[in-house]
Amino acid sequence: MFLNQGLVDTYIYDYIGLRSNQAFNPSFNLVIMDEMLTEDPLGIAIRKGNDQLLNDINDALKTLKSSGRLDEILSEYYNFKN
């Protein structure tokens, strides 16, 4: 990654990725802006033909959504309002 080589001054990435970099690489001296630049939706990619995993993820998302837990989780990482 270019951050640890001192080759970049600014890095744009998704919030969870930035938090992971910050947590696992404290030597990067990474500062994450408070301001959100986008409200892009999230997506999950699954290999074609893996129907069981697709069904499991869809079931889990339905459960999380109906209980309100999905909004809680997303609001921890994104400026998310359902």
N, C-alpha and C. Protein backbone atom coordinates (compact mmCIF):
# COMPACT_ATOMS: atom_id res chain seq x y z
N MET A 1 0.84 -1.18 0.00
CA MET A 1 0.00 0.00 0.00
C MET A 1 0.88 1.24 0.00
N PHE A 2 0.45 2.25 -0.71
CA PHE A 2 1.25 3.46 -0.88
C PHE A 2 1.35 4.31 0.39
N LEU A 3 0.41 4.13 1.31
CA LEU A 3 0.45 4.92 2.54
C LEU A 3 1.72 4.64 3.34
N ASN A 4 2.04 3.39 3.52
CA ASN A 4 3.21 3.05 4.34
C ASN A 4 4.52 3.37 3.63
N GLN A 5 4.47 3.67 2.34
CA GLN A 5 5.68 4.05 1.60
C GLN A 5 5.85 5.55 1.52
N GLY A 6 4.88 6.31 2.06
CA GLY A 6 4.95 7.76 2.02
C GLY A 6 4.77 8.35 0.63
N LEU A 7 4.07 7.63 -0.24
CA LEU A 7 3.92 8.07 -1.62
C LEU A 7 2.63 8.85 -1.88
N VAL A 8 1.72 8.89 -0.92
CA VAL A 8 0.46 9.62 -1.09
C VAL A 8 0.19 10.49 0.12
N ASP A 9 -0.53 11.59 -0.12
CA ASP A 9 -0.94 12.47 0.97
C ASP A 9 -2.39 12.25 1.35
N THR A 10 -3.19 11.84 0.39
CA THR A 10 -4.62 11.65 0.60
C THR A 10 -5.04 10.32 0.00
N TYR A 11 -5.96 9.67 0.66
CA TYR A 11 -6.40 8.36 0.24
C TYR A 11 -7.91 8.29 0.42
N ILE A 12 -8.64 7.97 -0.63
CA ILE A 12 -10.09 7.85 -0.56
C ILE A 12 -10.44 6.37 -0.68
N TYR A 13 -11.20 5.90 0.27
CA TYR A 13 -11.56 4.48 0.33
C TYR A 13 -12.83 4.37 1.14
N ASP A 14 -13.45 3.21 1.18
CA ASP A 14 -14.66 3.11 1.98
C ASP A 14 -14.31 3.19 3.47
N TYR A 15 -15.26 3.64 4.26
CA TYR A 15 -15.04 3.95 5.67
C TYR A 15 -14.52 2.75 6.47
N ILE A 16 -15.11 1.58 6.24
CA ILE A 16 -14.68 0.40 6.99
C ILE A 16 -13.23 0.05 6.64
N GLY A 17 -12.89 0.16 5.36
CA GLY A 17 -11.51 -0.09 4.94
C GLY A 17 -10.54 0.87 5.59
N LEU A 18 -10.93 2.15 5.66
CA LEU A 18 -10.07 3.13 6.30
C LEU A 18 -9.90 2.83 7.79
N ARG A 19 -11.00 2.50 8.46
CA ARG A 19 -10.92 2.17 9.89
C ARG A 19 -10.04 0.95 10.11
N SER A 20 -10.13 -0.03 9.23
CA SER A 20 -9.28 -1.22 9.36
C SER A 20 -7.81 -0.85 9.20
N ASN A 21 -7.51 -0.03 8.18
CA ASN A 21 -6.13 0.42 7.99
C ASN A 21 -5.62 1.18 9.20
N GLN A 22 -6.46 2.01 9.76
CA GLN A 22 -6.09 2.81 10.93
C GLN A 22 -5.82 1.90 12.14
N ALA A 23 -6.66 0.90 12.32
CA ALA A 23 -6.53 0.01 13.48
C ALA A 23 -5.32 -0.91 13.36
N PHE A 24 -5.09 -1.45 12.18
CA PHE A 24 -4.05 -2.46 12.01
C PHE A 24 -2.70 -1.88 11.61
N ASN A 25 -2.67 -0.60 11.26
CA ASN A 25 -1.42 0.03 10.83
C ASN A 25 -1.25 1.40 11.48
N PRO A 26 -1.11 1.43 12.80
CA PRO A 26 -1.02 2.73 13.49
C PRO A 26 0.17 3.57 13.03
N SER A 27 1.18 2.95 12.47
CA SER A 27 2.35 3.70 12.01
C SER A 27 2.03 4.57 10.79
N PHE A 28 0.90 4.33 10.12
CA PHE A 28 0.51 5.15 8.97
C PHE A 28 0.13 6.56 9.41
N ASN A 29 -0.20 6.75 10.68
CA ASN A 29 -0.63 8.05 11.19
C ASN A 29 -1.80 8.57 10.36
N LEU A 30 -2.78 7.71 10.15
CA LEU A 30 -3.93 7.99 9.31
C LEU A 30 -4.99 8.77 10.08
N VAL A 31 -5.46 9.86 9.50
CA VAL A 31 -6.54 10.65 10.07
C VAL A 31 -7.74 10.53 9.13
N ILE A 32 -8.89 10.15 9.67
CA ILE A 32 -10.08 9.99 8.85
C ILE A 32 -10.99 11.20 9.06
N MET A 33 -11.39 11.81 7.95
CA MET A 33 -12.26 12.98 8.01
C MET A 33 -13.60 12.62 8.63
N ASP A 34 -14.19 13.55 9.36
CA ASP A 34 -15.53 13.35 9.91
C ASP A 34 -16.60 13.50 8.83
N GLU A 35 -16.34 14.34 7.85
CA GLU A 35 -17.32 14.61 6.80
C GLU A 35 -17.43 13.42 5.85
N MET A 36 -18.65 13.00 5.59
CA MET A 36 -18.89 11.93 4.63
C MET A 36 -18.99 12.54 3.24
N LEU A 37 -18.29 11.97 2.26
CA LEU A 37 -18.27 12.51 0.92
C LEU A 37 -19.39 11.96 0.04
N THR A 38 -19.85 10.76 0.34
CA THR A 38 -20.90 10.13 -0.48
C THR A 38 -21.86 9.39 0.43
N GLU A 39 -22.97 8.99 -0.15
CA GLU A 39 -23.92 8.12 0.53
C GLU A 39 -24.17 6.90 -0.34
N ASP A 40 -23.09 6.35 -0.88
CA ASP A 40 -23.20 5.21 -1.79
C ASP A 40 -23.78 4.00 -1.07
N PRO A 41 -24.65 3.26 -1.76
CA PRO A 41 -25.19 2.04 -1.17
C PRO A 41 -24.12 0.95 -1.10
N LEU A 42 -24.34 0.00 -0.24
CA LEU A 42 -23.42 -1.12 -0.10
C LEU A 42 -23.87 -2.27 -0.98
N GLY A 43 -22.95 -3.11 -1.36
CA GLY A 43 -23.29 -4.28 -2.14
C GLY A 43 -22.48 -5.47 -1.68
N ILE A 44 -23.02 -6.65 -1.89
CA ILE A 44 -22.33 -7.89 -1.54
C ILE A 44 -22.23 -8.73 -2.80
N ALA A 45 -21.04 -9.19 -3.12
CA ALA A 45 -20.83 -10.03 -4.30
C ALA A 45 -20.67 -11.48 -3.86
N ILE A 46 -21.35 -12.35 -4.56
CA ILE A 46 -21.30 -13.79 -4.25
C ILE A 46 -21.04 -14.53 -5.56
N ARG A 47 -20.17 -15.53 -5.48
CA ARG A 47 -19.86 -16.31 -6.68
C ARG A 47 -21.13 -16.97 -7.21
N LYS A 48 -21.34 -16.88 -8.53
CA LYS A 48 -22.51 -17.50 -9.15
C LYS A 48 -22.54 -18.98 -8.82
N GLY A 49 -23.74 -19.47 -8.54
CA GLY A 49 -23.92 -20.88 -8.25
C GLY A 49 -23.86 -21.22 -6.77
N ASN A 50 -23.45 -20.28 -5.93
CA ASN A 50 -23.39 -20.52 -4.49
C ASN A 50 -24.72 -20.13 -3.87
N ASP A 51 -25.77 -20.88 -4.23
CA ASP A 51 -27.13 -20.55 -3.83
C ASP A 51 -27.34 -20.63 -2.32
N GLN A 52 -26.68 -21.57 -1.67
CA GLN A 52 -26.85 -21.70 -0.22
C GLN A 52 -26.34 -20.46 0.50
N LEU A 53 -25.16 -19.98 0.11
CA LEU A 53 -24.62 -18.78 0.73
C LEU A 53 -25.52 -17.58 0.43
N LEU A 54 -25.99 -17.46 -0.80
CA LEU A 54 -26.89 -16.37 -1.16
C LEU A 54 -28.14 -16.39 -0.29
N ASN A 55 -28.74 -17.56 -0.13
CA ASN A 55 -29.93 -17.68 0.72
C ASN A 55 -29.63 -17.35 2.17
N ASP A 56 -28.51 -17.82 2.67
CA ASP A 56 -28.13 -17.54 4.06
C ASP A 56 -27.94 -16.04 4.29
N ILE A 57 -27.27 -15.37 3.35
CA ILE A 57 -27.05 -13.92 3.49
C ILE A 57 -28.38 -13.17 3.41
N ASN A 58 -29.22 -13.54 2.44
CA ASN A 58 -30.53 -12.88 2.33
C ASN A 58 -31.37 -13.08 3.59
N ASP A 59 -31.36 -14.28 4.15
CA ASP A 59 -32.10 -14.54 5.38
C ASP A 59 -31.56 -13.71 6.54
N ALA A 60 -30.23 -13.65 6.65
CA ALA A 60 -29.62 -12.86 7.72
C ALA A 60 -29.96 -11.38 7.58
N LEU A 61 -29.92 -10.87 6.35
CA LEU A 61 -30.25 -9.46 6.12
C LEU A 61 -31.71 -9.17 6.45
N LYS A 62 -32.61 -10.07 6.11
CA LYS A 62 -34.03 -9.89 6.45
C LYS A 62 -34.21 -9.84 7.97
N THR A 63 -33.54 -10.74 8.68
CA THR A 63 -33.63 -10.76 10.14
C THR A 63 -33.06 -9.48 10.74
N LEU A 64 -31.88 -9.09 10.28
CA LEU A 64 -31.26 -7.87 10.80
C LEU A 64 -32.11 -6.64 10.49
N LYS A 65 -32.67 -6.60 9.30
CA LYS A 65 -33.49 -5.45 8.90
C LYS A 65 -34.77 -5.37 9.73
N SER A 66 -35.46 -6.49 9.90
CA SER A 66 -36.73 -6.47 10.63
C SER A 66 -36.55 -6.17 12.12
N SER A 67 -35.38 -6.49 12.66
CA SER A 67 -35.14 -6.23 14.08
C SER A 67 -34.60 -4.82 14.32
N GLY A 68 -34.19 -4.12 13.24
CA GLY A 68 -33.60 -2.80 13.39
C GLY A 68 -32.10 -2.84 13.61
N ARG A 69 -31.55 -4.01 13.75
CA ARG A 69 -30.12 -4.15 14.02
C ARG A 69 -29.27 -3.73 12.81
N LEU A 70 -29.77 -3.94 11.60
CA LEU A 70 -29.01 -3.55 10.42
C LEU A 70 -28.75 -2.04 10.42
N ASP A 71 -29.78 -1.25 10.72
CA ASP A 71 -29.60 0.21 10.79
C ASP A 71 -28.59 0.58 11.86
N GLU A 72 -28.62 -0.11 13.00
CA GLU A 72 -27.65 0.17 14.07
C GLU A 72 -26.22 -0.10 13.60
N ILE A 73 -26.02 -1.22 12.95
CA ILE A 73 -24.69 -1.59 12.47
C ILE A 73 -24.20 -0.59 11.43
N LEU A 74 -25.05 -0.28 10.45
CA LEU A 74 -24.65 0.64 9.39
C LEU A 74 -24.39 2.04 9.90
N SER A 75 -25.15 2.47 10.89
CA SER A 75 -24.96 3.83 11.41
C SER A 75 -23.65 3.97 12.17
N GLU A 76 -23.08 2.86 12.61
CA GLU A 76 -21.78 2.90 13.28
C GLU A 76 -20.66 3.24 12.29
N TYR A 77 -20.84 2.89 11.02
CA TYR A 77 -19.77 3.04 10.04
C TYR A 77 -20.08 4.03 8.93
N TYR A 78 -21.35 4.31 8.71
CA TYR A 78 -21.74 5.18 7.60
C TYR A 78 -22.77 6.19 8.07
N ASN A 79 -22.88 7.27 7.34
CA ASN A 79 -23.93 8.26 7.58
C ASN A 79 -25.20 7.70 6.96
N PHE A 80 -25.76 6.66 7.60
CA PHE A 80 -26.83 5.87 7.00
C PHE A 80 -28.15 6.19 7.65
N LYS A 81 -29.15 6.47 6.82
CA LYS A 81 -30.52 6.63 7.29
C LYS A 81 -31.41 5.82 6.36
N ASN A 82 -32.19 4.89 6.90
CA ASN A 82 -33.06 4.04 6.07
C ASN A 82 -34.37 4.74 5.84
